[in-house]
């Protein structure tokens, strides 16, 4: 990130937007749009980078091919192959998790995610049997509903 990007959005806009955007615009709409185009990624980097694609790395293929663990309960998903998968990187929610141990037997352990200010139970049919290869917990939400949960290696 350039030093400009970490400080004043208006100064950044002057650096990255064409000079014509700052002259002759009586209402300033064009200038404002340019400033916002630069300011939003600075203020909200997660939104600016959440394109839905998994970043390059050793686990990219694993995440891209991760299927919903409850597909067997929803045979209609076969008609739309995209609906078989756990969504994309943009659908992963960063949050806190907790687990109530039930003797280390899958899927009897009860997992919870901190969502909307309260602990929300993750339905057992949404828990992927494999552990995440990167060791992190991953919760996929779509339209506010839990689609998949990948447990971290080694538990919490």
Protein backbone atom coordinates (compact mmCIF):
# COMPACT_ATOMS: atom_id res chain seq x y z
CA UNK A 1 0.00 0.00 0.00
CA UNK A 2 1.43 3.36 -0.91
CA UNK A 3 1.88 5.97 1.77
CA UNK A 4 -0.86 7.95 0.04
CA UNK A 5 -3.38 5.17 0.48
CA UNK A 6 -2.97 5.09 4.23
CA UNK A 7 -3.64 8.78 4.87
CA UNK A 8 -5.95 11.24 3.07
CA UNK A 9 -8.44 9.92 0.47
CA UNK A 10 -8.77 13.31 -1.27
CA UNK A 11 -5.02 13.52 -1.79
CA UNK A 12 -5.03 9.94 -3.05
CA UNK A 13 -7.84 10.73 -5.45
CA UNK A 14 -5.79 13.60 -6.88
CA UNK A 15 -2.95 11.16 -7.40
CA UNK A 16 -4.99 8.35 -8.99
CA UNK A 17 -7.84 10.17 -10.77
CA UNK A 18 -7.43 12.11 -14.00
CA UNK A 19 -6.88 15.89 -13.54
CA UNK A 20 -10.04 16.60 -15.55
CA UNK A 21 -12.04 15.21 -12.63
CA UNK A 22 -11.06 18.21 -10.53
CA UNK A 23 -11.82 21.07 -12.91
CA UNK A 24 -14.97 22.42 -14.47
CA UNK A 25 -17.39 20.21 -12.58
CA UNK A 26 -19.73 22.73 -10.97
CA UNK A 27 -21.56 20.19 -8.82
CA UNK A 28 -18.49 18.18 -7.91
CA UNK A 29 -20.18 14.82 -8.57
CA UNK A 30 -17.35 13.45 -10.65
CA UNK A 31 -14.78 14.52 -8.07
CA UNK A 32 -16.84 13.00 -5.28
CA UNK A 33 -17.18 9.71 -7.17
CA UNK A 34 -13.44 9.55 -7.73
CA UNK A 35 -12.72 10.32 -4.08
CA UNK A 36 -15.18 7.60 -2.99
CA UNK A 37 -13.65 5.11 -5.41
CA UNK A 38 -10.34 5.63 -3.64
CA UNK A 39 -11.69 6.09 -0.09
CA UNK A 40 -13.91 2.99 0.14
CA UNK A 41 -11.07 0.49 -0.37
CA UNK A 42 -9.02 2.39 2.22
CA UNK A 43 -11.78 2.47 4.82
CA UNK A 44 -13.17 -1.01 4.15
CA UNK A 45 -10.37 -3.21 2.82
CA UNK A 46 -12.29 -6.45 3.40
CA UNK A 47 -15.16 -5.23 1.23
CA UNK A 48 -12.80 -4.02 -1.46
CA UNK A 49 -10.98 -7.34 -1.59
CA UNK A 50 -13.96 -9.66 -1.21
CA UNK A 51 -14.30 -10.66 -4.83
CA UNK A 52 -15.33 -14.24 -4.06
CA UNK A 53 -12.16 -15.83 -5.43
CA UNK A 54 -9.84 -17.78 -3.18
CA UNK A 55 -6.37 -16.26 -2.95
CA UNK A 56 -3.51 -18.09 -4.59
CA UNK A 57 -1.94 -20.57 -2.22
CA UNK A 58 -1.51 -24.22 -1.38
CA UNK A 59 -5.15 -24.68 -0.26
CA UNK A 60 -6.95 -22.82 -3.06
CA UNK A 61 -8.10 -25.97 -4.89
CA UNK A 62 -9.35 -27.58 -1.67
CA UNK A 63 -11.57 -24.60 -0.87
CA UNK A 64 -12.79 -24.17 -4.46
CA UNK A 65 -13.96 -27.80 -4.57
CA UNK A 66 -15.41 -27.93 -1.05
CA UNK A 67 -18.96 -29.27 -1.24
CA UNK A 68 -21.82 -28.78 1.17
CA UNK A 69 -22.03 -31.68 3.60
CA UNK A 70 -25.84 -31.78 3.39
CA UNK A 71 -26.12 -32.27 -0.39
CA UNK A 72 -27.56 -35.75 0.16
CA UNK A 73 -30.53 -34.12 1.93
CA UNK A 74 -31.19 -31.82 -1.05
CA UNK A 75 -31.20 -33.81 -4.31
CA UNK A 76 -32.58 -30.80 -6.25
CA UNK A 77 -29.14 -29.20 -5.99
CA UNK A 78 -27.94 -31.65 -8.64
CA UNK A 79 -29.76 -29.57 -11.27
CA UNK A 80 -27.51 -26.58 -10.50
CA UNK A 81 -23.95 -27.84 -9.89
CA UNK A 82 -22.87 -24.47 -8.42
CA UNK A 83 -25.27 -24.98 -5.53
CA UNK A 84 -23.37 -28.10 -4.46
CA UNK A 85 -20.41 -26.05 -3.25
CA UNK A 86 -19.81 -24.14 0.00
CA UNK A 87 -19.73 -20.75 -1.72
CA UNK A 88 -16.69 -18.55 -2.21
CA UNK A 89 -14.13 -16.62 -0.22
CA UNK A 90 -16.47 -13.63 -0.03
CA UNK A 91 -18.99 -15.75 1.90
CA UNK A 92 -16.60 -16.66 4.72
CA UNK A 93 -17.40 -14.87 7.96
CA UNK A 94 -14.62 -14.01 10.39
CA UNK A 95 -15.99 -14.58 13.86
CA UNK A 96 -15.44 -16.41 17.15
CA UNK A 97 -16.29 -20.07 17.63
CA UNK A 98 -16.79 -22.35 20.58
CA UNK A 99 -17.33 -26.07 20.90
CA UNK A 100 -18.97 -28.26 23.50
CA UNK A 101 -17.08 -31.53 23.60
CA UNK A 102 -19.11 -34.69 23.19
CA UNK A 103 -16.33 -37.25 23.36
CA UNK A 104 -14.46 -36.40 20.13
CA UNK A 105 -16.99 -38.16 17.88
CA UNK A 106 -17.99 -36.42 14.67
CA UNK A 107 -20.52 -34.81 14.44
CA UNK A 108 -21.65 -35.06 18.06
CA UNK A 109 -19.52 -32.13 19.21
CA UNK A 110 -21.70 -29.03 19.30
CA UNK A 111 -20.19 -26.01 17.53
CA UNK A 112 -21.30 -22.39 17.94
CA UNK A 113 -20.46 -19.22 16.03
CA UNK A 114 -20.77 -15.70 17.39
CA UNK A 115 -23.31 -14.12 15.01
CA UNK A 116 -25.43 -11.01 15.50
CA UNK A 117 -24.36 -10.59 19.11
CA UNK A 118 -25.15 -14.12 20.29
CA UNK A 119 -23.88 -17.70 20.12
CA UNK A 120 -25.58 -19.47 17.25
CA UNK A 121 -25.53 -23.27 17.10
CA UNK A 122 -24.06 -24.58 13.85
CA UNK A 123 -26.36 -27.35 12.58
CA UNK A 124 -24.51 -30.71 12.50
CA UNK A 125 -25.53 -31.29 8.87
CA UNK A 126 -23.62 -28.11 7.91
CA UNK A 127 -20.33 -29.30 9.41
CA UNK A 128 -17.84 -30.58 6.85
CA UNK A 129 -16.30 -33.87 7.94
CA UNK A 130 -12.75 -32.87 6.95
CA UNK A 131 -10.75 -30.31 8.85
CA UNK A 132 -9.51 -27.15 7.17
CA UNK A 133 -6.08 -27.67 5.63
CA UNK A 134 -4.93 -24.24 6.77
CA UNK A 135 -5.79 -25.03 10.39
CA UNK A 136 -8.39 -22.23 10.62
CA UNK A 137 -12.15 -22.47 11.19
CA UNK A 138 -14.24 -21.31 8.22
CA UNK A 139 -17.93 -20.44 8.36
CA UNK A 140 -19.78 -19.85 5.09
CA UNK A 141 -22.92 -17.69 5.21
CA UNK A 142 -25.23 -16.95 2.33
CA UNK A 143 -28.20 -14.62 2.80
CA UNK A 144 -27.65 -14.82 6.55
CA UNK A 145 -27.88 -18.61 6.73
CA UNK A 146 -25.11 -21.07 7.55
CA UNK A 147 -24.14 -23.03 4.44
CA UNK A 148 -20.99 -24.83 5.61
CA UNK A 149 -18.65 -24.94 8.55
CA UNK A 150 -15.12 -26.30 8.30
CA UNK A 151 -13.58 -27.14 11.63
CA UNK A 152 -10.03 -26.11 12.45
CA UNK A 153 -7.33 -28.76 12.76
CA UNK A 154 -6.84 -29.64 16.39
CA UNK A 155 -10.16 -28.13 17.52
CA UNK A 156 -10.41 -24.83 19.36
